[in-house]
């Protein structure tokens, strides 16, 4: 068994998890703490990555799950799964920066794909990634995701998604067939 998977517990988040999930997501992407890991967006975005309203919306939405990953009773990772008809959407993926680079992310994404297939019978997983995040996109490509070239604009001016530090941000759709 992959040592990264040892002792992991997967469960759906609930209202009591909101504060710890916000802290986890923020630590993985923004501010100096995020620089401990490799998923940081600190050089391209400042401010918040999410808020209580955003996390609660995922927890409460029908056909949505906020998969929470624990080890030894501590929340160490999370990801959003949302059923969107023929496919599932994967988002809000965060792994504690101190645990990044040890194979945990690939274990979690594999479990998310399995859960989406089994729960909703979907054949594809979709996600959007900031297009300038070449290292992150390459990581997803190694997991079987392919770039589509389909872009959507970054929500400039909406600080709920952060404060952009450059003018060329957009999201690219990545897709993986789930077989």
Protein backbone atom coordinates (compact mmCIF):
# COMPACT_ATOMS: atom_id res chain seq x y z
CA UNK A 1 0.00 0.00 0.00
CA UNK A 2 1.18 3.54 -0.76
CA UNK A 3 2.67 4.93 2.45
CA UNK A 4 1.01 8.28 1.73
CA UNK A 5 -2.37 6.56 2.19
CA UNK A 6 -1.53 5.11 5.60
CA UNK A 7 -3.98 6.16 8.28
CA UNK A 8 -6.18 8.35 6.10
CA UNK A 9 -9.88 8.79 6.81
CA UNK A 10 -12.15 10.25 4.11
CA UNK A 11 -15.48 11.82 5.08
CA UNK A 12 -17.87 14.53 3.96
CA UNK A 13 -17.36 17.90 5.64
CA UNK A 14 -20.05 19.41 7.81
CA UNK A 15 -20.74 22.85 9.25
CA UNK A 16 -18.36 22.24 12.18
CA UNK A 17 -15.44 21.88 9.74
CA UNK A 18 -15.77 25.30 8.08
CA UNK A 19 -13.13 27.21 10.07
CA UNK A 20 -10.50 24.49 9.88
CA UNK A 21 -11.13 24.04 6.14
CA UNK A 22 -10.76 27.77 5.47
CA UNK A 23 -7.45 27.75 7.36
CA UNK A 24 -6.25 24.67 5.44
CA UNK A 25 -7.18 26.08 2.03
CA UNK A 26 -5.66 29.46 2.83
CA UNK A 27 -2.43 27.86 4.10
CA UNK A 28 -2.05 25.78 0.93
CA UNK A 29 -2.41 28.69 -1.50
CA UNK A 30 -1.92 32.13 0.02
CA UNK A 31 0.47 33.97 2.26
CA UNK A 32 3.87 33.00 3.60
CA UNK A 33 2.64 29.71 5.08
CA UNK A 34 1.77 28.50 1.57
CA UNK A 35 5.41 28.85 0.50
CA UNK A 36 6.22 25.76 2.60
CA UNK A 37 4.48 23.66 -0.06
CA UNK A 38 4.63 23.81 -3.84
CA UNK A 39 0.98 24.70 -4.57
CA UNK A 40 1.32 28.32 -3.46
CA UNK A 41 -0.36 31.07 -5.44
CA UNK A 42 1.25 33.75 -3.24
CA UNK A 43 3.16 35.29 -6.16
CA UNK A 44 0.09 35.70 -8.36
CA UNK A 45 -2.73 36.30 -5.86
CA UNK A 46 -2.97 37.92 -2.45
CA UNK A 47 -5.85 37.98 -0.02
CA UNK A 48 -8.28 35.17 0.69
CA UNK A 49 -8.66 31.95 -1.29
CA UNK A 50 -12.14 31.22 0.09
CA UNK A 51 -14.47 32.24 2.88
CA UNK A 52 -17.08 30.69 5.17
CA UNK A 53 -19.86 31.43 2.70
CA UNK A 54 -17.98 29.65 -0.12
CA UNK A 55 -17.14 26.60 1.97
CA UNK A 56 -20.68 26.32 3.35
CA UNK A 57 -22.11 26.63 -0.16
CA UNK A 58 -20.13 23.54 -1.22
CA UNK A 59 -21.12 21.61 1.91
CA UNK A 60 -24.83 22.43 1.54
CA UNK A 61 -25.26 22.24 -2.23
CA UNK A 62 -27.22 19.30 -3.60
CA UNK A 63 -25.07 16.93 -5.68
CA UNK A 64 -21.96 18.32 -4.00
CA UNK A 65 -19.49 16.97 -1.48
CA UNK A 66 -16.55 18.56 0.28
CA UNK A 67 -14.40 15.50 0.86
CA UNK A 68 -12.34 15.98 4.01
CA UNK A 69 -9.21 13.95 4.67
CA UNK A 70 -7.97 13.28 8.17
CA UNK A 71 -4.93 11.58 9.63
CA UNK A 72 -4.74 10.96 13.38
CA UNK A 73 -7.87 13.07 13.89
CA UNK A 74 -6.46 16.16 12.16
CA UNK A 75 -7.81 17.57 8.89
CA UNK A 76 -4.89 17.49 6.44
CA UNK A 77 -6.59 17.84 3.04
CA UNK A 78 -9.87 18.45 1.25
CA UNK A 79 -11.45 18.59 -2.19
CA UNK A 80 -14.79 19.52 -3.69
CA UNK A 81 -16.74 17.08 -5.83
CA UNK A 82 -19.83 18.30 -7.65
CA UNK A 83 -22.11 16.28 -9.89
CA UNK A 84 -22.77 18.23 -13.09
CA UNK A 85 -24.75 15.82 -15.23
CA UNK A 86 -22.43 13.75 -17.41
CA UNK A 87 -19.32 14.74 -15.44
CA UNK A 88 -18.11 15.65 -11.97
CA UNK A 89 -16.29 18.86 -11.12
CA UNK A 90 -13.17 18.68 -8.92
CA UNK A 91 -12.16 21.80 -7.03
CA UNK A 92 -11.15 23.40 -3.74
CA UNK A 93 -8.27 20.89 -3.53
CA UNK A 94 -5.90 21.60 -0.67
CA UNK A 95 -3.22 19.56 1.07
CA UNK A 96 -1.47 20.88 4.15
CA UNK A 97 1.74 22.56 2.89
CA UNK A 98 3.91 20.59 5.35
CA UNK A 99 2.66 17.32 3.82
CA UNK A 100 2.96 18.26 0.15
CA UNK A 101 5.38 16.38 -2.06
CA UNK A 102 5.00 13.01 -0.32
CA UNK A 103 2.39 11.44 -2.61
CA UNK A 104 -0.67 12.39 -0.58
CA UNK A 105 -2.24 14.46 -3.38
CA UNK A 106 -2.27 11.60 -5.87
CA UNK A 107 -3.91 9.30 -3.29
CA UNK A 108 -6.61 11.89 -2.59
CA UNK A 109 -7.36 12.66 -6.24
CA UNK A 110 -7.59 8.92 -6.98
CA UNK A 111 -10.11 8.53 -4.15
CA UNK A 112 -12.07 11.55 -5.41
CA UNK A 113 -12.23 10.04 -8.91
CA UNK A 114 -13.35 6.68 -7.50
CA UNK A 115 -16.03 8.34 -5.37
CA UNK A 116 -17.36 10.39 -8.32
CA UNK A 117 -17.54 7.28 -10.53
CA UNK A 118 -19.25 5.15 -7.88
CA UNK A 119 -21.57 7.81 -6.44
CA UNK A 120 -22.75 9.46 -9.65
CA UNK A 121 -21.71 7.06 -12.42
CA UNK A 122 -19.85 9.83 -14.24
CA UNK A 123 -17.27 9.07 -16.91
CA UNK A 124 -15.33 12.36 -16.76
CA UNK A 125 -13.82 14.67 -14.16
CA UNK A 126 -13.48 18.38 -14.98
CA UNK A 127 -11.49 21.06 -13.18
CA UNK A 128 -10.26 24.55 -13.81
CA UNK A 129 -6.72 25.68 -13.07
CA UNK A 130 -5.18 29.14 -13.37
CA UNK A 131 -3.45 28.87 -16.74
CA UNK A 132 -0.14 30.38 -15.59
CA UNK A 133 0.25 27.57 -13.01
CA UNK A 134 2.33 25.40 -15.35
CA UNK A 135 3.78 23.29 -12.51
CA UNK A 136 0.32 22.47 -11.18
CA UNK A 137 -1.07 21.75 -14.65
CA UNK A 138 1.89 19.42 -15.30
CA UNK A 139 1.11 17.58 -12.05
CA UNK A 140 -2.50 17.06 -13.17
CA UNK A 141 -1.32 15.93 -16.61
CA UNK A 142 0.78 13.23 -14.91
CA UNK A 143 -2.48 12.08 -13.24
CA UNK A 144 -4.15 11.72 -16.67
CA UNK A 145 -5.81 15.11 -17.07
CA UNK A 146 -5.56 16.84 -20.42
CA UNK A 147 -5.52 20.50 -21.27
CA UNK A 148 -8.47 21.60 -23.38
CA UNK A 149 -7.39 25.13 -24.27
CA UNK A 150 -10.85 26.29 -23.12
CA UNK A 151 -10.38 29.40 -21.02
CA UNK A 152 -12.67 31.37 -18.75
CA UNK A 153 -11.84 34.78 -17.32
CA UNK A 154 -10.52 35.27 -13.80
CA UNK A 155 -13.05 37.25 -11.70
CA UNK A 156 -10.99 40.45 -11.46
CA UNK A 157 -12.50 42.86 -8.96
CA UNK A 158 -14.13 40.14 -6.84
CA UNK A 159 -11.88 39.93 -3.79
CA UNK A 160 -13.63 36.74 -2.62
CA UNK A 161 -11.23 35.00 -5.04
CA UNK A 162 -8.16 37.02 -4.08
CA UNK A 163 -6.36 40.11 -5.24
CA UNK A 164 -4.56 39.45 -8.54
CA UNK A 165 -0.90 40.46 -8.78
CA UNK A 166 -0.82 40.23 -12.58
CA UNK A 167 -3.17 41.04 -15.45
CA UNK A 168 -3.05 37.76 -17.41
CA UNK A 169 -4.94 35.38 -15.12
CA UNK A 170 -7.56 33.05 -16.56
CA UNK A 171 -8.79 29.52 -15.89
CA UNK A 172 -8.14 26.59 -18.19
CA UNK A 173 -10.43 23.57 -18.23
CA UNK A 174 -8.70 20.24 -17.63
CA UNK A 175 -10.56 16.97 -18.29
CA UNK A 176 -9.93 13.31 -17.46
CA UNK A 177 -11.86 10.29 -18.62
CA UNK A 178 -12.75 8.07 -15.66
CA UNK A 179 -12.57 4.42 -16.68
